[in-house]
Protein backbone atom coordinates (compact mmCIF):
# COMPACT_ATOMS: atom_id res chain seq x y z
CA UNK A 1 -0.14 -0.15 0.11
CA UNK A 2 1.45 3.57 -0.72
CA UNK A 3 0.96 6.32 2.12
CA UNK A 4 1.46 9.00 -0.19
CA UNK A 5 -1.54 7.52 -2.02
CA UNK A 6 -3.55 7.61 0.88
CA UNK A 7 -2.27 11.29 2.05
CA UNK A 8 -2.89 12.37 -1.00
CA UNK A 9 -5.13 10.16 -3.36
CA UNK A 10 -5.82 12.95 -6.66
CA UNK A 11 -2.55 14.29 -6.58
CA UNK A 12 0.11 12.52 -9.50
CA UNK A 13 2.86 10.46 -7.58
CA UNK A 14 6.04 12.16 -8.12
CA UNK A 15 9.41 10.81 -8.97
CA UNK A 16 11.33 10.15 -6.39
CA UNK A 17 14.70 12.14 -6.03
CA UNK A 18 17.19 9.16 -5.72
CA UNK A 19 19.36 11.30 -3.23
CA UNK A 20 16.41 10.74 -0.77
CA UNK A 21 16.18 7.49 -1.16
CA UNK A 22 20.23 7.11 -0.93
CA UNK A 23 19.84 8.69 2.59
CA UNK A 24 16.70 6.55 3.51
CA UNK A 25 18.90 4.19 2.88
CA UNK A 26 21.95 4.86 4.71
CA UNK A 27 19.58 5.94 8.03
CA UNK A 28 18.10 2.18 7.66
CA UNK A 29 21.41 0.40 7.52
CA UNK A 30 22.58 2.46 10.60
CA UNK A 31 20.94 0.45 13.23
CA UNK A 32 22.52 -2.86 12.38
CA UNK A 33 25.63 -1.71 11.64
CA UNK A 34 25.72 0.10 14.80
CA UNK A 35 24.80 -2.38 16.43
CA UNK A 36 27.85 -4.91 15.29
CA UNK A 37 29.95 -2.87 17.51
CA UNK A 38 28.13 -1.02 19.82
CA UNK A 39 28.47 -3.21 22.98
CA UNK A 40 32.01 -3.39 22.85
CA UNK A 41 32.46 -0.56 25.54
CA UNK A 42 30.57 -0.86 29.45
CA UNK A 43 31.01 -4.30 28.78
CA UNK A 44 30.57 -4.29 32.65
CA UNK A 45 27.50 -2.56 32.50
CA UNK A 46 26.14 -5.92 30.64
CA UNK A 47 28.07 -8.53 32.92
CA UNK A 48 26.09 -6.96 35.92
CA UNK A 49 22.61 -6.71 34.28
CA UNK A 50 22.71 -10.71 32.91
CA UNK A 51 25.18 -11.44 36.05
CA UNK A 52 27.18 -13.25 33.39
CA UNK A 53 31.03 -13.23 33.48
CA UNK A 54 32.97 -10.83 30.62
CA UNK A 55 33.49 -13.89 28.78
CA UNK A 56 30.32 -14.88 28.32
CA UNK A 57 29.22 -11.30 27.34
CA UNK A 58 31.14 -11.96 23.84
CA UNK A 59 28.35 -14.50 22.66
CA UNK A 60 26.27 -11.41 22.55
CA UNK A 61 28.53 -9.77 19.91
CA UNK A 62 29.91 -12.77 18.09
CA UNK A 63 26.49 -13.89 17.67
CA UNK A 64 24.98 -11.14 16.45
CA UNK A 65 27.39 -10.78 13.58
CA UNK A 66 26.43 -14.73 12.59
CA UNK A 67 22.90 -13.98 12.61
CA UNK A 68 23.70 -10.85 10.21
CA UNK A 69 25.58 -13.56 7.92
CA UNK A 70 22.96 -15.94 7.87
CA UNK A 71 20.10 -13.17 7.25
CA UNK A 72 21.75 -11.99 4.50
CA UNK A 73 21.22 -14.71 2.10
CA UNK A 74 17.53 -14.46 2.53
CA UNK A 75 17.33 -10.75 1.51
CA UNK A 76 18.67 -12.07 -1.88
CA UNK A 77 15.35 -14.55 -2.60
CA UNK A 78 13.08 -12.73 -0.66
CA UNK A 79 13.20 -9.55 -3.15
CA UNK A 80 11.47 -12.09 -6.01
CA UNK A 81 8.61 -12.70 -3.88
CA UNK A 82 8.15 -9.42 -1.77
CA UNK A 83 8.17 -5.36 -3.03
CA UNK A 84 10.65 -4.07 -1.86
CA UNK A 85 8.35 -1.51 0.44
CA UNK A 86 6.98 -4.83 1.76
CA UNK A 87 10.17 -6.49 2.56
CA UNK A 88 11.82 -2.89 3.98
CA UNK A 89 9.48 -2.68 6.62
CA UNK A 90 9.46 -6.29 7.50
CA UNK A 91 13.03 -6.53 7.64
CA UNK A 92 13.15 -3.60 9.68
CA UNK A 93 10.11 -4.54 11.87
CA UNK A 94 12.04 -7.81 12.45
CA UNK A 95 15.46 -5.76 13.48
CA UNK A 96 13.46 -3.76 15.71
CA UNK A 97 10.99 -6.83 17.41
CA UNK A 98 14.38 -8.22 18.54
CA UNK A 99 15.71 -4.95 19.96
CA UNK A 100 12.56 -4.82 22.04
CA UNK A 101 13.48 -8.30 23.31
CA UNK A 102 17.11 -7.95 23.96
CA UNK A 103 16.20 -4.32 26.04
CA UNK A 104 13.69 -6.29 28.06
CA UNK A 105 16.17 -9.32 28.82
CA UNK A 106 16.70 -10.51 32.27
CA UNK A 107 18.98 -13.32 31.24
CA UNK A 108 21.81 -14.08 28.39
CA UNK A 109 19.72 -16.57 26.82
CA UNK A 110 16.89 -14.20 26.40
CA UNK A 111 19.54 -11.64 25.17
CA UNK A 112 21.07 -13.84 22.69
CA UNK A 113 17.22 -15.03 21.23
CA UNK A 114 16.55 -10.94 20.66
CA UNK A 115 20.27 -10.44 19.40
CA UNK A 116 19.64 -13.57 16.87
CA UNK A 117 16.18 -11.73 15.75
CA UNK A 118 18.31 -8.74 15.53
CA UNK A 119 20.75 -10.02 12.98
CA UNK A 120 18.02 -11.89 10.87
CA UNK A 121 16.41 -8.97 10.27
CA UNK A 122 19.18 -6.43 9.51
CA UNK A 123 20.79 -9.46 7.45
CA UNK A 124 17.93 -8.68 5.32
CA UNK A 125 17.92 -5.15 5.37
CA UNK A 126 21.86 -4.72 3.94
CA UNK A 127 21.69 -6.60 1.02
CA UNK A 128 18.24 -5.10 -0.09
CA UNK A 129 19.34 -1.33 0.61
CA UNK A 130 22.59 -1.89 -2.22
CA UNK A 131 19.65 -4.00 -4.71
CA UNK A 132 17.20 -0.81 -4.25
CA UNK A 133 20.21 1.63 -4.78
CA UNK A 134 20.86 -0.18 -7.76
CA UNK A 135 16.90 0.06 -9.04
CA UNK A 136 17.07 3.45 -8.27
CA UNK A 137 20.18 5.02 -9.95
CA UNK A 138 20.90 5.52 -13.20
CA UNK A 139 23.74 3.19 -14.51
CA UNK A 140 26.21 5.99 -14.48
CA UNK A 141 25.23 6.82 -10.90
CA UNK A 142 25.47 3.49 -9.87
CA UNK A 143 29.31 3.62 -8.38
CA UNK A 144 29.66 6.48 -6.96
CA UNK A 145 26.07 5.97 -4.93
CA UNK A 146 27.16 2.64 -3.77
CA UNK A 147 30.27 4.30 -2.75
CA UNK A 148 28.84 6.55 -0.63
CA UNK A 149 26.81 4.22 0.92
CA UNK A 150 29.36 1.57 1.68
CA UNK A 151 31.62 4.44 3.39
CA UNK A 152 28.86 5.80 5.74
CA UNK A 153 28.04 1.84 6.78
CA UNK A 154 31.82 1.70 7.61
CA UNK A 155 31.57 5.20 9.86
CA UNK A 156 28.26 3.49 11.29
CA UNK A 157 30.54 0.44 11.99
CA UNK A 158 33.47 3.17 13.42
CA UNK A 159 31.24 4.85 15.99
CA UNK A 160 28.54 1.91 17.49
CA UNK A 161 31.46 2.17 20.22
CA UNK A 162 31.16 6.03 20.65
CA UNK A 163 27.26 5.49 20.49
CA UNK A 164 27.11 2.81 22.69
CA UNK A 165 30.31 4.48 24.88
CA UNK A 166 27.87 7.81 25.87
CA UNK A 167 24.10 5.82 25.73
CA UNK A 168 25.54 3.56 28.90
CA UNK A 169 27.49 6.01 30.45
CA UNK A 170 24.16 8.30 30.39
CA UNK A 171 21.21 5.92 30.49
CA UNK A 172 22.42 2.57 31.21
CA UNK A 173 22.66 -0.23 28.81
CA UNK A 174 19.27 -0.97 27.66
CA UNK A 175 19.45 2.57 25.77
CA UNK A 176 22.37 1.28 23.34
CA UNK A 177 19.15 -0.78 22.20
CA UNK A 178 16.39 1.91 22.27
CA UNK A 179 18.04 4.40 20.25
CA UNK A 180 16.77 1.83 17.46
CA UNK A 181 13.26 2.44 18.12
CA UNK A 182 13.36 5.86 16.36
CA UNK A 183 15.23 5.66 13.79
CA UNK A 184 13.42 2.15 12.77
CA UNK A 185 10.16 3.49 13.01
CA UNK A 186 11.22 6.63 10.80
CA UNK A 187 12.44 4.28 8.38
CA UNK A 188 9.53 2.24 8.19
CA UNK A 189 7.34 6.05 7.91
CA UNK A 190 9.49 7.57 5.20
CA UNK A 191 10.31 3.65 3.07
CA UNK A 192 6.67 3.90 2.49
CA UNK A 193 6.51 7.97 0.89
CA UNK A 194 9.73 7.45 -0.63
CA UNK A 195 10.16 4.10 -2.11
CA UNK A 196 8.69 3.07 -5.54
CA UNK A 197 8.76 -0.37 -6.22
CA UNK A 198 10.33 -1.72 -9.24
CA UNK A 199 10.13 -5.08 -11.01
CA UNK A 200 10.49 -7.54 -8.85
CA UNK A 201 13.15 -9.74 -9.62
CA UNK A 202 13.39 -13.37 -11.20
CA UNK A 203 10.89 -15.50 -8.89
CA UNK A 204 12.76 -18.30 -7.58
CA UNK A 205 11.59 -21.31 -5.37
CA UNK A 206 13.19 -20.96 -1.87
CA UNK A 207 15.89 -22.43 -1.28
CA UNK A 208 14.74 -23.85 2.01
CA UNK A 209 16.96 -27.14 2.85
CA UNK A 210 20.02 -25.47 1.49
CA UNK A 211 19.54 -22.74 4.02
CA UNK A 212 18.63 -24.81 6.72
CA UNK A 213 21.92 -26.54 6.23
CA UNK A 214 24.09 -23.07 5.79
CA UNK A 215 22.44 -22.32 9.06
CA UNK A 216 23.51 -25.79 11.06
CA UNK A 217 27.00 -25.29 9.75
CA UNK A 218 27.79 -22.01 10.93
CA UNK A 219 25.92 -22.59 14.37
CA UNK A 220 27.10 -25.72 14.90
CA UNK A 221 30.57 -24.25 14.43
CA UNK A 222 30.09 -20.98 15.95
CA UNK A 223 28.78 -23.33 19.06
CA UNK A 224 31.56 -25.38 19.40
CA UNK A 225 34.01 -22.38 19.15
CA UNK A 226 32.33 -20.33 21.70
CA UNK A 227 31.80 -23.47 24.07
CA UNK A 228 34.45 -24.79 24.12
CA UNK A 229 36.22 -23.08 26.99
CA UNK A 230 33.47 -24.61 29.00
CA UNK A 231 34.16 -28.23 27.96
CA UNK A 232 37.66 -28.37 26.32
CA UNK A 233 38.59 -28.44 22.72
CA UNK A 234 39.34 -31.91 23.08
CA UNK A 235 36.12 -32.90 24.56
CA UNK A 236 33.32 -35.12 22.94
CA UNK A 237 30.73 -32.36 22.75
CA UNK A 238 33.18 -30.04 20.78
CA UNK A 239 34.34 -32.82 18.40
CA UNK A 240 31.38 -33.65 17.52
CA UNK A 241 30.00 -29.96 17.06
CA UNK A 242 33.01 -29.16 14.55
CA UNK A 243 32.01 -32.95 12.96
CA UNK A 244 28.61 -31.59 12.47
CA UNK A 245 29.55 -28.30 10.89
CA UNK A 246 32.48 -30.17 8.46
CA UNK A 247 29.34 -32.66 7.36
CA UNK A 248 27.02 -30.36 7.19
CA UNK A 249 28.97 -28.03 4.76
CA UNK A 250 29.87 -30.63 2.80
CA UNK A 251 26.31 -32.01 2.14
CA UNK A 252 25.54 -27.71 1.81
CA UNK A 253 28.04 -28.41 -1.41
CA UNK A 254 26.39 -31.30 -3.12
CA UNK A 255 22.62 -29.91 -2.32
CA UNK A 256 24.17 -26.73 -4.11
CA UNK A 257 25.08 -29.06 -7.13
CA UNK A 258 21.93 -30.85 -7.15
CA UNK A 259 19.57 -27.72 -6.45
CA UNK A 260 19.12 -25.99 -9.98
CA UNK A 261 18.66 -22.63 -7.84
CA UNK A 262 20.62 -22.56 -4.47
CA UNK A 263 20.35 -20.05 -2.25
CA UNK A 264 23.84 -19.58 -2.49
CA UNK A 265 25.29 -20.99 -5.81
CA UNK A 266 28.95 -22.79 -4.86
CA UNK A 267 29.89 -22.62 -8.76
CA UNK A 268 30.65 -19.17 -8.32
CA UNK A 269 33.68 -20.45 -5.97
CA UNK A 270 35.37 -22.10 -9.19
CA UNK A 271 35.95 -18.06 -10.24
CA UNK A 272 39.74 -18.00 -8.82
CA UNK A 273 39.22 -14.15 -8.78
CA UNK A 274 36.29 -13.89 -6.98
CA UNK A 275 37.38 -16.52 -4.63
CA UNK A 276 40.33 -14.77 -3.76
CA UNK A 277 38.07 -11.13 -3.20
CA UNK A 278 35.99 -13.35 -0.87
CA UNK A 279 39.56 -14.68 1.12
CA UNK A 280 40.64 -10.79 1.34
CA UNK A 281 37.11 -9.77 2.68
CA UNK A 282 37.15 -12.14 5.30
CA UNK A 283 41.13 -11.96 6.13
CA UNK A 284 40.33 -7.74 6.61
CA UNK A 285 36.86 -7.98 8.25
CA UNK A 286 38.75 -10.24 11.12
CA UNK A 287 40.80 -7.85 11.45
CA UNK A 288 38.43 -4.89 11.91
CA UNK A 289 36.12 -6.29 13.79
CA UNK A 290 38.49 -8.29 16.02
CA UNK A 291 40.26 -5.14 16.83
CA UNK A 292 37.28 -3.31 17.20
CA UNK A 293 35.86 -5.83 19.96
CA UNK A 294 39.44 -5.59 21.93
CA UNK A 295 40.21 -1.68 21.64
CA UNK A 296 37.83 -0.47 23.79
CA UNK A 297 38.33 -3.00 27.56
CA UNK A 298 42.21 -2.35 26.55
CA UNK A 299 41.61 0.96 27.25
CA UNK A 300 39.12 0.84 30.16
CA UNK A 301 41.81 -1.54 32.03
CA UNK A 302 44.34 -0.19 31.51
CA UNK A 303 43.87 3.13 31.51
CA UNK A 304 40.65 3.07 33.40
CA UNK A 305 38.53 4.78 30.85
CA UNK A 306 35.23 5.28 31.54
CA UNK A 307 33.07 3.72 28.37
CA UNK A 308 32.15 7.13 27.25
CA UNK A 309 35.98 8.18 27.35
CA UNK A 310 37.25 4.70 25.20
CA UNK A 311 34.13 5.73 22.73
CA UNK A 312 35.81 9.12 22.38
CA UNK A 313 39.16 7.78 21.29
CA UNK A 314 37.62 4.84 19.05
CA UNK A 315 35.49 7.51 17.17
CA UNK A 316 39.08 9.27 16.00
CA UNK A 317 38.82 6.56 13.20
CA UNK A 318 35.77 8.29 11.87
CA UNK A 319 37.43 11.76 11.29
CA UNK A 320 39.97 9.65 8.31
CA UNK A 321 36.87 7.82 7.21
CA UNK A 322 35.37 11.28 6.50
CA UNK A 323 38.20 12.63 4.65
CA UNK A 324 38.20 9.24 2.78
CA UNK A 325 34.76 10.47 1.59
CA UNK A 326 35.95 13.25 0.18
CA UNK A 327 38.76 11.61 -1.80
CA UNK A 328 35.08 9.32 -3.48
CA UNK A 329 33.46 12.60 -3.80
CA UNK A 330 36.16 14.03 -5.83
CA UNK A 331 36.66 11.09 -8.15
CA UNK A 332 40.29 10.87 -6.98
CA UNK A 333 39.78 6.95 -5.84
CA UNK A 334 38.27 6.69 -9.06
CA UNK A 335 41.52 6.89 -11.21
CA UNK A 336 43.37 4.11 -9.15
CA UNK A 337 43.70 0.76 -9.32
CA UNK A 338 41.58 -1.45 -6.50
CA UNK A 339 44.55 -3.53 -5.77
CA UNK A 340 46.99 -0.55 -5.20
CA UNK A 341 43.83 0.81 -2.75
CA UNK A 342 43.43 -2.08 -0.77
CA UNK A 343 47.45 -2.67 -0.42
CA UNK A 344 47.41 0.90 1.26
CA UNK A 345 44.06 0.00 3.31
CA UNK A 346 45.79 -3.11 4.36
CA UNK A 347 49.06 -1.46 5.17
CA UNK A 348 47.10 0.94 7.24
CA UNK A 349 44.91 -2.03 9.29
CA UNK A 350 48.37 -3.71 10.28
CA UNK A 351 49.91 -0.44 11.20
CA UNK A 352 47.11 0.29 13.24
CA UNK A 353 47.51 -2.91 15.17
CA UNK A 354 50.96 -2.89 15.21
CA UNK A 355 51.55 0.35 16.75
CA UNK A 356 49.94 -0.96 20.26
CA UNK A 357 52.82 -3.31 20.75
CA UNK A 358 53.88 -1.87 23.29
CA UNK A 359 53.28 -2.11 26.95
CA UNK A 360 50.81 0.75 28.32
CA UNK A 361 52.68 3.63 30.01
CA UNK A 362 51.78 4.51 33.58
CA UNK A 363 50.35 8.10 32.28
CA UNK A 364 48.34 8.13 29.18
CA UNK A 365 49.71 8.75 25.61
CA UNK A 366 47.14 10.27 23.49
CA UNK A 367 49.61 10.68 20.49
CA UNK A 368 50.56 7.12 20.87
CA UNK A 369 46.76 5.90 20.84
CA UNK A 370 45.05 8.10 18.79
CA UNK A 371 47.57 8.07 15.71
CA UNK A 372 46.47 4.30 15.16
CA UNK A 373 42.92 5.34 15.17
CA UNK A 374 43.66 7.47 12.99
CA UNK A 375 45.56 4.46 10.48
CA UNK A 376 42.46 2.23 11.41
CA UNK A 377 39.95 5.00 9.84
CA UNK A 378 41.73 5.41 6.43
CA UNK A 379 42.31 1.44 6.40
CA UNK A 380 38.58 0.53 6.79
CA UNK A 381 37.37 2.94 4.35
CA UNK A 382 39.91 2.28 1.97
CA UNK A 383 39.30 -1.47 2.50
CA UNK A 384 35.16 -1.31 2.00
CA UNK A 385 35.73 0.74 -0.74
CA UNK A 386 38.29 -1.16 -2.75
CA UNK A 387 36.74 -4.63 -1.59
CA UNK A 388 33.67 -3.79 -3.11
CA UNK A 389 35.28 -2.77 -6.45
CA UNK A 390 37.65 -5.88 -6.76
CA UNK A 391 33.88 -8.08 -6.19
CA UNK A 392 32.14 -6.76 -8.71
CA UNK A 393 35.30 -6.85 -10.89
CA UNK A 394 35.45 -10.36 -11.07
CA UNK A 395 31.80 -11.11 -11.51
CA UNK A 396 29.87 -10.51 -14.81
CA UNK A 397 27.20 -8.05 -14.50
CA UNK A 398 24.25 -10.56 -14.09
CA UNK A 399 25.90 -11.79 -11.23
CA UNK A 400 27.07 -8.63 -9.45
CA UNK A 401 23.74 -9.14 -6.78
CA UNK A 402 24.91 -12.39 -5.65
CA UNK A 403 28.31 -11.42 -5.37
CA UNK A 404 27.70 -8.69 -3.51
CA UNK A 405 25.42 -11.09 -0.90
CA UNK A 406 28.15 -13.36 -0.78
CA UNK A 407 30.66 -10.38 0.30
CA UNK A 408 28.38 -9.49 2.88
CA UNK A 409 28.02 -12.71 4.09
CA UNK A 410 31.34 -13.85 4.29
CA UNK A 411 32.47 -10.10 5.18
CA UNK A 412 29.92 -10.80 9.05
CA UNK A 413 31.39 -14.31 9.43
CA UNK A 414 34.42 -12.59 9.22
CA UNK A 415 33.76 -10.50 12.18
CA UNK A 416 32.48 -13.48 13.65
CA UNK A 417 35.97 -15.09 13.48
CA UNK A 418 37.79 -12.29 14.28
CA UNK A 419 35.46 -11.40 17.63
CA UNK A 420 35.70 -15.16 18.42
CA UNK A 421 39.39 -15.16 18.45
CA UNK A 422 40.06 -11.96 20.06
CA UNK A 423 37.16 -13.32 23.30
CA UNK A 424 39.52 -16.47 23.07
CA UNK A 425 43.00 -15.38 22.68
CA UNK A 426 41.85 -12.97 25.73
CA UNK A 427 40.74 -15.33 27.80
CA UNK A 428 43.82 -17.55 27.91
CA UNK A 429 47.23 -15.58 26.99
CA UNK A 430 47.38 -13.27 30.12
CA UNK A 431 46.73 -16.39 32.35
CA UNK A 432 49.77 -17.94 30.77
CA UNK A 433 52.07 -14.57 31.01
CA UNK A 434 50.72 -14.63 34.63
CA UNK A 435 51.67 -17.88 35.68
CA UNK A 436 55.18 -17.30 33.98
CA UNK A 437 56.28 -13.88 35.84
CA UNK A 438 58.32 -14.78 39.25
CA UNK A 439 55.95 -14.49 42.11
CA UNK A 440 56.85 -13.27 45.73
CA UNK A 441 56.43 -15.18 48.80
CA UNK A 442 56.77 -11.99 50.97
CA UNK A 443 53.25 -12.23 52.25
CA UNK A 444 53.69 -7.83 53.24
CA UNK A 445 53.75 -7.64 49.73
CA UNK A 446 52.30 -10.50 48.02
CA UNK A 447 48.89 -9.06 47.23
CA UNK A 448 50.56 -6.18 45.73
CA UNK A 449 52.93 -7.96 43.64
CA UNK A 450 50.07 -10.36 42.21
CA UNK A 451 48.24 -7.27 41.76
CA UNK A 452 51.28 -5.85 39.28
CA UNK A 453 51.94 -9.36 37.87
CA UNK A 454 48.77 -9.66 36.34
CA UNK A 455 48.12 -6.18 35.20
CA UNK A 456 51.36 -7.03 33.36
CA UNK A 457 49.90 -10.19 32.06
CA UNK A 458 47.45 -8.27 30.78
CA UNK A 459 49.42 -5.61 29.17
CA UNK A 460 51.43 -8.59 27.51
CA UNK A 461 48.19 -10.28 26.30
CA UNK A 462 46.79 -7.53 24.57
CA UNK A 463 49.83 -6.93 22.43
CA UNK A 464 50.11 -10.26 21.47
CA UNK A 465 46.37 -10.05 20.41
CA UNK A 466 46.66 -6.81 18.98
CA UNK A 467 49.94 -8.50 16.56
CA UNK A 468 47.68 -11.51 15.20
CA UNK A 469 45.09 -8.79 14.37
CA UNK A 470 47.63 -6.85 12.79
CA UNK A 471 48.72 -10.40 10.96
CA UNK A 472 45.90 -11.00 8.85
CA UNK A 473 45.70 -7.97 6.69
CA UNK A 474 49.61 -8.70 6.63
CA UNK A 475 48.25 -12.11 4.78
CA UNK A 476 46.03 -9.74 2.94
CA UNK A 477 48.90 -8.22 1.54
CA UNK A 478 50.97 -10.61 0.40
CA UNK A 479 47.97 -12.45 -1.41
CA UNK A 480 47.37 -9.40 -3.10
CA UNK A 481 50.53 -8.97 -4.42
CA UNK A 482 51.06 -12.77 -5.11
CA UNK A 483 47.89 -12.23 -7.45
CA UNK A 484 48.84 -8.99 -9.31
CA UNK A 485 52.56 -10.56 -10.00
CA UNK A 486 51.22 -13.94 -10.99
CA UNK A 487 48.39 -11.47 -13.19
CA UNK A 488 51.66 -9.73 -14.90
CA UNK A 489 53.59 -12.80 -15.45
CA UNK A 490 50.97 -14.69 -17.33
CA UNK A 491 50.04 -11.80 -19.36
CA UNK A 492 53.78 -11.10 -20.38
CA UNK A 493 54.02 -14.60 -21.19
CA UNK A 494 50.90 -15.07 -23.34
CA UNK A 495 52.21 -12.10 -25.26
CA UNK A 496 55.74 -13.71 -26.16
CA UNK A 497 55.44 -15.23 -29.14
CA UNK A 498 56.14 -19.43 -29.25
CA UNK A 499 59.82 -19.31 -29.80
CA UNK A 500 60.56 -15.71 -29.32
């Protein structure tokens, strides 16, 4: 139903401005993207609210990324079954329903259910927004519009801890979810006024069994790696979960080959350039989300920052992303090779992590903390810009939409993996250092010495984990340079005449 027709039934409906549609898409996707990192600050508020440990709160962050990844493939298939205005409203209502469940939750399990519903709704909304942008803008303006949308998304991810820090400190943990309600209701209202339904994509049978196999594979793997700290990595439940995940994934590959219209066609992975692009997306996302999970508690623990103060430091990276937006607006980046931009992005991401390879000082050092954030902002914005272009160049035009679905799915699977990895390392590396430090037996100074040893252990632990997060973009650099060199060598060999 068109709200504009109800408000003015006798007046012709004017053509909607594409830029108004773009602003609406940015507004709507701000909610699910803010929520990917908004819980990274003030973790102790959630500890007290749900009576859990800081380690267990990682289920809410990593589980949300997994739910986003599982919701994304739904969007591509549901777009052929629903009008885009109806699907946009439905996905937003789903997200808001999950938000309200989390706000009223009293246990971790209730909050996990709400976060899962949030993730599925947000997962549908993200690729749907890209589809609407493609259908709204003229072909020559689509790349620019998608670049603006991508940079706005990166900005929302970066500002999640900042928004969360201020809200938690001022109004409590429920407020970080309450902020979604006015944004969501406004998005639904505006969507009925601004959006115009375009012809549906070719409707296809919904691949229910393929989708269930994907969810089972991802879900059992997630539970296995998250619960391994409770049961032990060599325990039967964890081994069974990993085995079920691998078997189910293989079954999906078989199903995809037999089913004529799989929800994620595996034959696309036979394209080397596309497969390499997905690997790069996974590596970059693992580093970005892993670092975002680490930085706020690093500042809160070692410098005794309040949540909003940690959020202010993290927000510095957003200024770099705004500067990158000006490069996009001036078409400077459009003239550069996507691989060169990605190399610069990965270099910035690696340096932003390796800059923390030092013990925290007794006195807070602003330059040593803020400069890495500037590098991180540039790296995040440039990587999102270049990876989207690489995915587009690796596939023909008719496969660009499913390629984008693959990209976003892998992106949030990488985010889930980065969060899980950071959480696991943070729970295991500091105790190893703590045991390795020499302990004193002097009764009078024993407790003080133990506190100092624990502080040093966590300092060493954070340093090592930041090193791990810097390692992933370096691997991406090696892959990009290797592929670039191989491509040039292959072209040179092909251009050489036989016997020349």
